[in-house]
Protein backbone atom coordinates (compact mmCIF):
# COMPACT_ATOMS: atom_id res chain seq x y z
CA UNK A 1 9.96 33.43 -4.90
CA UNK A 2 7.88 31.25 -7.20
CA UNK A 3 4.12 31.61 -7.03
CA UNK A 4 2.13 28.51 -6.00
CA UNK A 5 0.71 26.37 -8.83
CA UNK A 6 2.45 28.49 -11.45
CA UNK A 7 2.74 25.50 -13.78
CA UNK A 8 -1.04 25.13 -13.96
CA UNK A 9 -2.99 26.92 -16.68
CA UNK A 10 -5.72 27.66 -14.14
CA UNK A 11 -6.31 26.90 -10.46
CA UNK A 12 -9.24 24.64 -11.35
CA UNK A 13 -6.77 22.17 -12.83
CA UNK A 14 -5.95 21.04 -9.30
CA UNK A 15 -9.33 19.29 -9.40
CA UNK A 16 -9.55 18.60 -13.11
CA UNK A 17 -6.09 17.00 -13.23
CA UNK A 18 -6.35 15.15 -9.91
CA UNK A 19 -5.66 11.42 -10.24
CA UNK A 20 -5.87 8.43 -7.85
CA UNK A 21 -2.09 7.98 -7.76
CA UNK A 22 -2.04 10.81 -5.19
CA UNK A 23 -3.34 8.27 -2.67
CA UNK A 24 0.05 6.55 -2.79
CA UNK A 25 1.21 9.50 -0.67
CA UNK A 26 -1.15 8.38 2.11
CA UNK A 27 0.02 4.78 1.72
CA UNK A 28 3.66 5.69 2.22
CA UNK A 29 3.06 8.26 4.94
CA UNK A 30 0.74 5.94 6.85
CA UNK A 31 3.14 3.01 6.92
CA UNK A 32 6.02 5.26 8.01
CA UNK A 33 3.88 6.54 10.91
CA UNK A 34 3.27 2.96 12.05
CA UNK A 35 6.95 2.02 11.77
CA UNK A 36 8.29 5.11 13.56
CA UNK A 37 6.34 4.03 16.64
CA UNK A 38 8.23 0.71 16.59
CA UNK A 39 11.69 2.30 16.98
CA UNK A 40 13.29 1.46 20.35
CA UNK A 41 15.39 4.56 21.05
CA UNK A 42 13.47 7.22 23.00
CA UNK A 43 10.33 5.21 22.28
CA UNK A 44 7.94 7.73 23.86
CA UNK A 45 9.24 10.44 21.54
CA UNK A 46 8.98 8.24 18.45
CA UNK A 47 5.49 7.12 19.48
CA UNK A 48 4.39 10.75 19.61
CA UNK A 49 6.12 11.43 16.29
CA UNK A 50 4.33 8.50 14.67
CA UNK A 51 1.07 9.64 16.22
CA UNK A 52 1.49 13.11 14.76
CA UNK A 53 2.33 11.73 11.35
CA UNK A 54 -0.72 9.45 11.50
CA UNK A 55 -3.03 12.41 12.22
CA UNK A 56 -1.37 14.31 9.37
CA UNK A 57 -2.04 11.32 7.13
CA UNK A 58 -5.73 11.38 8.05
CA UNK A 59 -5.90 15.00 6.92
CA UNK A 60 -4.10 14.10 3.69
CA UNK A 61 -6.52 11.27 2.97
CA UNK A 62 -9.54 13.49 3.59
CA UNK A 63 -8.06 16.25 1.41
CA UNK A 64 -7.35 13.87 -1.47
CA UNK A 65 -10.77 12.24 -1.12
CA UNK A 66 -12.47 15.64 -1.38
CA UNK A 67 -10.41 16.60 -4.43
CA UNK A 68 -11.11 13.31 -6.20
CA UNK A 69 -14.81 13.44 -5.32
CA UNK A 70 -15.01 17.00 -6.68
CA UNK A 71 -13.43 15.82 -9.93
CA UNK A 72 -16.16 13.21 -10.37
CA UNK A 73 -18.83 15.80 -9.49
CA UNK A 74 -17.54 18.67 -11.66
CA UNK A 75 -16.02 16.67 -14.54
CA UNK A 76 -17.77 13.27 -14.53
CA UNK A 77 -17.09 12.42 -18.18
CA UNK A 78 -13.40 13.30 -17.90
CA UNK A 79 -13.05 11.54 -14.54
CA UNK A 80 -14.58 8.37 -15.99
CA UNK A 81 -11.72 8.15 -18.50
CA UNK A 82 -9.62 6.64 -15.72
CA UNK A 83 -11.54 3.40 -16.21
CA UNK A 84 -10.19 3.05 -19.75
CA UNK A 85 -6.62 4.12 -19.06
CA UNK A 86 -4.25 1.12 -18.84
CA UNK A 87 -2.05 2.67 -16.14
CA UNK A 88 -4.00 5.23 -14.14
CA UNK A 89 -6.90 2.85 -13.47
CA UNK A 90 -4.50 0.56 -11.61
CA UNK A 91 -3.92 3.28 -8.99
CA UNK A 92 -7.53 2.98 -7.80
CA UNK A 93 -6.13 0.23 -5.58
CA UNK A 94 -4.18 2.89 -3.69
CA UNK A 95 -7.42 4.25 -2.18
CA UNK A 96 -8.28 1.26 0.07
CA UNK A 97 -4.59 0.75 0.89
CA UNK A 98 -4.29 4.34 2.05
CA UNK A 99 -7.44 3.86 4.13
CA UNK A 100 -5.93 0.71 5.69
CA UNK A 101 -3.02 2.68 7.13
CA UNK A 102 -5.51 5.00 8.82
CA UNK A 103 -7.56 2.21 10.42
CA UNK A 104 -4.33 0.53 11.54
CA UNK A 105 -3.37 3.81 13.16
CA UNK A 106 -6.61 3.82 15.16
CA UNK A 107 -5.47 0.49 16.61
CA UNK A 108 -1.85 1.60 17.09
CA UNK A 109 -2.41 5.12 18.43
CA UNK A 110 -6.15 5.66 18.76
CA UNK A 111 -6.78 3.10 21.51
CA UNK A 112 -4.36 4.94 23.80
CA UNK A 113 -5.69 8.36 22.83
CA UNK A 114 -9.43 7.78 22.46
CA UNK A 115 -10.21 4.50 24.20
CA UNK A 116 -12.59 1.80 23.00
CA UNK A 117 -14.25 4.10 20.47
CA UNK A 118 -11.05 3.87 18.39
CA UNK A 119 -11.59 0.10 18.03
CA UNK A 120 -15.17 0.68 16.92
CA UNK A 121 -14.02 3.22 14.34
CA UNK A 122 -11.28 0.88 13.14
CA UNK A 123 -13.75 -1.99 12.76
CA UNK A 124 -16.15 0.16 10.73
CA UNK A 125 -13.30 1.39 8.53
CA UNK A 126 -12.12 -2.21 8.10
CA UNK A 127 -15.45 -3.26 6.61
CA UNK A 128 -15.41 -0.25 4.28
CA UNK A 129 -11.84 -1.07 3.33
CA UNK A 130 -12.71 -4.70 2.58
CA UNK A 131 -15.63 -3.71 0.35
CA UNK A 132 -13.50 -1.22 -1.59
CA UNK A 133 -10.59 -3.66 -1.91
CA UNK A 134 -12.73 -6.54 -3.21
CA UNK A 135 -14.66 -4.35 -5.65
CA UNK A 136 -11.45 -2.90 -7.06
CA UNK A 137 -9.83 -6.35 -7.20
CA UNK A 138 -12.73 -7.47 -9.40
CA UNK A 139 -13.45 -4.33 -11.39
CA UNK A 140 -9.99 -3.15 -12.45
CA UNK A 141 -8.75 -6.52 -13.80
CA UNK A 142 -12.07 -6.93 -15.62
CA UNK A 143 -11.58 -3.52 -17.21
CA UNK A 144 -8.08 -4.61 -18.21
CA UNK A 145 -9.58 -7.66 -19.91
CA UNK A 146 -12.55 -5.94 -21.55
CA UNK A 147 -11.86 -2.24 -22.24
CA UNK A 148 -8.15 -1.51 -22.08
CA UNK A 149 -5.21 -2.27 -24.32
CA UNK A 150 -2.12 -3.85 -22.75
CA UNK A 151 1.11 -5.26 -24.17
CA UNK A 152 3.69 -7.46 -22.51
CA UNK A 153 6.57 -5.07 -23.30
CA UNK A 154 4.85 -2.18 -21.49
CA UNK A 155 3.83 -4.19 -18.42
CA UNK A 156 5.16 -3.05 -15.02
CA UNK A 157 4.66 -4.01 -11.39
CA UNK A 158 1.89 -1.35 -11.22
CA UNK A 159 -0.39 -4.22 -12.30
CA UNK A 160 -0.18 -5.37 -8.67
CA UNK A 161 -1.87 -2.31 -7.16
CA UNK A 162 -5.55 -3.26 -7.60
CA UNK A 163 -4.82 -6.77 -6.34
CA UNK A 164 -2.69 -6.09 -3.25
CA UNK A 165 -5.39 -4.07 -1.44
CA UNK A 166 -7.14 -7.29 -0.37
CA UNK A 167 -4.13 -8.70 1.46
CA UNK A 168 -3.53 -5.32 3.07
CA UNK A 169 -7.10 -5.59 4.40
CA UNK A 170 -6.28 -9.14 5.55
CA UNK A 171 -3.31 -7.93 7.62
CA UNK A 172 -5.51 -5.18 9.07
CA UNK A 173 -7.97 -7.91 10.03
CA UNK A 174 -5.21 -9.59 12.01
CA UNK A 175 -4.49 -6.35 13.86
CA UNK A 176 -8.19 -5.79 14.53
CA UNK A 177 -8.57 -9.23 16.10
CA UNK A 178 -6.06 -8.25 18.79
CA UNK A 179 -8.61 -5.75 20.11
CA UNK A 180 -11.88 -7.68 19.70
CA UNK A 181 -13.60 -10.07 22.05
CA UNK A 182 -13.06 -13.70 21.05
CA UNK A 183 -16.40 -14.74 19.57
CA UNK A 184 -18.11 -16.11 16.49
CA UNK A 185 -17.80 -12.65 15.00
CA UNK A 186 -14.03 -12.79 15.47
CA UNK A 187 -13.99 -16.21 13.79
CA UNK A 188 -15.71 -14.72 10.74
CA UNK A 189 -13.16 -11.89 10.58
CA UNK A 190 -10.28 -14.38 10.86
CA UNK A 191 -11.59 -16.72 8.17
CA UNK A 192 -12.63 -13.80 5.98
CA UNK A 193 -9.13 -12.34 6.25
CA UNK A 194 -7.61 -15.62 5.05
CA UNK A 195 -9.98 -15.50 2.08
CA UNK A 196 -8.86 -11.93 1.37
CA UNK A 197 -5.26 -13.19 1.51
CA UNK A 198 -6.09 -15.78 -1.15
CA UNK A 199 -7.90 -13.24 -3.33
CA UNK A 200 -4.74 -11.16 -3.39
CA UNK A 201 -1.60 -13.23 -2.99
CA UNK A 202 -2.29 -15.89 -5.61
CA UNK A 203 -3.14 -13.44 -8.44
CA UNK A 204 -0.21 -11.27 -7.32
CA UNK A 205 2.22 -14.14 -7.74
CA UNK A 206 0.77 -14.85 -11.17
CA UNK A 207 1.49 -11.22 -12.07
CA UNK A 208 5.02 -11.46 -10.66
CA UNK A 209 5.65 -14.54 -12.80
CA UNK A 210 4.58 -12.68 -15.94
CA UNK A 211 6.63 -9.67 -14.85
CA UNK A 212 9.78 -11.79 -14.62
CA UNK A 213 9.11 -13.02 -18.17
CA UNK A 214 8.58 -9.44 -19.36
CA UNK A 215 11.87 -8.28 -17.79
CA UNK A 216 13.77 -11.15 -19.39
CA UNK A 217 12.27 -10.55 -22.84
CA UNK A 218 12.04 -6.73 -22.92
CA UNK A 219 14.67 -5.56 -20.40
CA UNK A 220 14.21 -3.00 -17.62
CA UNK A 221 11.19 -0.67 -17.49
CA UNK A 222 11.47 2.86 -18.86
CA UNK A 223 12.91 5.63 -16.69
CA UNK A 224 9.56 7.09 -15.69
CA UNK A 225 8.47 3.65 -14.41
CA UNK A 226 11.82 2.53 -12.94
CA UNK A 227 10.67 2.85 -9.33
CA UNK A 228 7.77 0.48 -10.06
CA UNK A 229 10.24 -2.37 -9.54
CA UNK A 230 9.92 -1.76 -5.79
CA UNK A 231 6.18 -2.48 -5.91
CA UNK A 232 6.87 -6.22 -6.06
CA UNK A 233 7.83 -6.02 -2.38
CA UNK A 234 4.23 -5.02 -1.60
CA UNK A 235 2.40 -8.35 -2.05
CA UNK A 236 5.40 -10.27 -0.74
CA UNK A 237 5.78 -8.21 2.44
CA UNK A 238 2.07 -7.80 3.09
CA UNK A 239 1.46 -11.49 2.39
CA UNK A 240 4.07 -12.41 5.01
CA UNK A 241 2.73 -9.85 7.48
CA UNK A 242 -0.85 -11.10 7.14
CA UNK A 243 0.19 -14.71 7.73
CA UNK A 244 2.03 -13.68 10.89
CA UNK A 245 -0.75 -11.49 12.30
CA UNK A 246 -3.56 -13.90 11.47
CA UNK A 247 -1.60 -16.93 12.64
CA UNK A 248 -0.88 -15.27 15.97
CA UNK A 249 -4.61 -14.82 16.60
CA UNK A 250 -5.80 -18.10 15.09
CA UNK A 251 -5.43 -20.46 18.13
CA UNK A 252 -7.54 -18.45 20.58
CA UNK A 253 -10.07 -17.33 17.96
CA UNK A 254 -10.65 -20.80 16.50
CA UNK A 255 -10.92 -22.25 20.01
CA UNK A 256 -14.41 -20.73 20.03
CA UNK A 257 -15.48 -23.29 17.42
CA UNK A 258 -13.36 -26.06 18.97
CA UNK A 259 -10.64 -25.79 16.32
CA UNK A 260 -7.77 -24.66 18.49
CA UNK A 261 -5.43 -27.28 17.01
CA UNK A 262 -6.23 -26.01 13.52
CA UNK A 263 -5.43 -22.51 14.77
CA UNK A 264 -2.09 -23.70 16.10
CA UNK A 265 -1.34 -25.20 12.69
CA UNK A 266 -2.21 -21.84 11.10
CA UNK A 267 0.19 -20.15 13.49
CA UNK A 268 3.12 -22.45 12.71
CA UNK A 269 2.32 -22.48 8.98
CA UNK A 270 2.14 -18.68 9.04
CA UNK A 271 5.58 -18.45 10.59
CA UNK A 272 7.07 -20.85 8.05
CA UNK A 273 5.25 -19.28 5.09
CA UNK A 274 6.29 -15.77 6.09
CA UNK A 275 9.96 -16.72 6.18
CA UNK A 276 9.70 -18.20 2.68
CA UNK A 277 7.98 -15.04 1.43
CA UNK A 278 10.54 -12.79 3.08
CA UNK A 279 13.29 -14.73 1.35
CA UNK A 280 11.59 -14.06 -1.98
CA UNK A 281 11.29 -10.42 -0.93
CA UNK A 282 15.03 -10.16 -0.27
CA UNK A 283 15.64 -11.28 -3.85
CA UNK A 284 13.16 -8.73 -5.24
CA UNK A 285 14.66 -6.00 -3.07
CA UNK A 286 18.05 -6.65 -4.66
CA UNK A 287 16.55 -6.51 -8.16
CA UNK A 288 14.74 -3.25 -7.32
CA UNK A 289 17.93 -1.64 -5.98
CA UNK A 290 19.97 -2.71 -8.99
CA UNK A 291 17.26 -1.44 -11.36
CA UNK A 292 17.20 1.94 -9.61
CA UNK A 293 21.00 2.24 -9.67
CA UNK A 294 21.06 1.39 -13.37
CA UNK A 295 18.64 4.21 -14.19
CA UNK A 296 20.28 6.66 -11.80
CA UNK A 297 23.33 6.68 -14.03
CA UNK A 298 21.41 8.71 -16.60
CA UNK A 299 18.99 10.45 -14.23
CA UNK A 300 15.53 9.59 -12.93
CA UNK A 301 12.65 12.04 -13.48
CA UNK A 302 10.55 12.58 -10.35
CA UNK A 303 6.88 11.65 -10.39
CA UNK A 304 4.35 10.30 -7.90
CA UNK A 305 5.55 6.81 -8.76
CA UNK A 306 8.48 7.46 -6.43
CA UNK A 307 6.10 6.71 -3.56
CA UNK A 308 6.64 3.11 -4.62
CA UNK A 309 9.85 3.38 -2.59
CA UNK A 310 7.89 3.68 0.66
CA UNK A 311 4.81 1.49 1.16
CA UNK A 312 6.23 -1.77 -0.26
CA UNK A 313 9.43 -1.40 1.75
CA UNK A 314 7.30 -0.40 4.75
CA UNK A 315 5.14 -3.53 4.81
CA UNK A 316 8.25 -5.65 4.20
CA UNK A 317 9.87 -3.97 7.21
CA UNK A 318 6.77 -4.53 9.36
CA UNK A 319 6.85 -8.22 8.42
CA UNK A 320 10.53 -8.48 9.43
CA UNK A 321 9.84 -6.75 12.75
CA UNK A 322 6.88 -9.06 13.37
CA UNK A 323 9.01 -12.14 12.72
CA UNK A 324 11.52 -10.75 15.20
CA UNK A 325 8.81 -10.18 17.82
CA UNK A 326 7.36 -13.68 17.44
CA UNK A 327 10.71 -15.48 17.41
CA UNK A 328 12.66 -13.29 19.83
CA UNK A 329 15.72 -13.36 17.58
CA UNK A 330 17.64 -10.10 18.17
CA UNK A 331 19.50 -10.28 14.85
CA UNK A 332 16.22 -10.11 12.94
CA UNK A 333 15.18 -7.14 15.04
CA UNK A 334 18.32 -5.24 14.08
CA UNK A 335 17.67 -5.95 10.39
CA UNK A 336 14.16 -4.59 10.81
CA UNK A 337 15.43 -1.40 12.44
CA UNK A 338 17.99 -0.92 9.65
CA UNK A 339 15.22 -1.23 7.05
CA UNK A 340 13.09 1.22 9.06
CA UNK A 341 15.86 3.83 9.05
CA UNK A 342 16.28 3.39 5.29
CA UNK A 343 12.53 3.75 4.83
CA UNK A 344 12.33 6.94 6.89
CA UNK A 345 15.17 8.46 4.87
CA UNK A 346 13.43 7.59 1.60
CA UNK A 347 10.15 9.04 2.91
CA UNK A 348 11.77 12.39 3.74
CA UNK A 349 13.32 12.56 0.27
CA UNK A 350 10.13 11.67 -1.60
CA UNK A 351 7.92 13.88 0.58
CA UNK A 352 10.21 16.88 0.00
CA UNK A 353 10.04 16.40 -3.76
CA UNK A 354 6.27 15.90 -3.59
CA UNK A 355 5.70 19.09 -1.60
CA UNK A 356 7.79 21.01 -4.15
CA UNK A 357 5.89 19.44 -7.07
CA UNK A 358 2.55 20.17 -5.37
CA UNK A 359 3.50 23.80 -4.74
CA UNK A 360 4.65 24.35 -8.32
CA UNK A 361 1.74 22.38 -9.76
CA UNK A 362 3.96 20.09 -11.84
CA UNK A 363 2.49 16.93 -10.30
CA UNK A 364 -1.08 17.73 -11.31
CA UNK A 365 -1.28 15.88 -14.58
CA UNK A 366 -3.90 13.40 -15.75
CA UNK A 367 -2.70 11.22 -18.66
CA UNK A 368 -6.20 9.83 -19.14
CA UNK A 369 -7.56 13.38 -19.54
CA UNK A 370 -4.82 14.20 -22.04
CA UNK A 371 -5.67 11.16 -24.13
CA UNK A 372 -9.40 11.96 -23.95
CA UNK A 373 -8.88 15.53 -25.15
CA UNK A 374 -6.62 14.33 -27.98
CA UNK A 375 -9.28 11.88 -29.10
CA UNK A 376 -11.94 14.62 -29.06
CA UNK A 377 -9.72 16.88 -31.13
């Protein structure tokens, strides 16, 4: 039997080589926990299964946070190299998105388990999540413009990661409003969530436009980045989900400031806008599948980027299920359940490979550290 971490030169490399892309594991696991609880067959069982997975995800997030904090404490100069790396810095956006799945879980599972305190925890985590998301949405693109070197031919959908966190926070705001008293405070959360949506979705679509140009001019991404094609579903699915969740709450919330009719417009516009976005997402899903199949012919190397198969598809699935719930169209519901089953299957596959890579130590690799050490040499 292989010894744990045998691929590492020393056990300390678990900390020294720890990178923010590990938080994509919490993104994918968290969204799967939320979706499992939506399955109709033996719903009590699936609710408990989702609840267990959500608690497991909390432990994962805490574990990864401790490891990444220790890296900054023990190796601050090496850890800071992430800010100059053109790829790894983009994964800083995975931190607030992983946190968002946890706060959403407090609203999905925690209210039943822990009562009103779960809403208070979720609200506090939402504000933390918003601050992190906005700071990363500003800081990482600015670093791209000022300190890093990028070329069009090497661009991938990973560029979306620091941007999408804001619209994930916006959709969480919509969920939070379902549990808060209708007040001026709720109005601020609603309007603030729409602002977060704008911070994220508009730059994300600018990136998608450039990405389409890059694919046409320079062909498919390299094998090690092939799964990144699925990331485009993230801003599309989350953008649709946020419009649905916020629009559903808008009429009663805006009634507080005598703008109920505006809220009703937001609700109808959210429904229409989400359908348009989901249509765009169906097109991207087809492109992502075809890209993956093309690379599978010659073999795809496993890396943490494979978690791009989970969270983007997860938020897209949640948006489809939300459309089904708000329209009552059974056909849409069945499509959502089919996507959920596909997602769960992908999660099991990627998690199994991740556990194996974690045990062997092959997934602990920091490209920014490697480049830093080469420059010093």
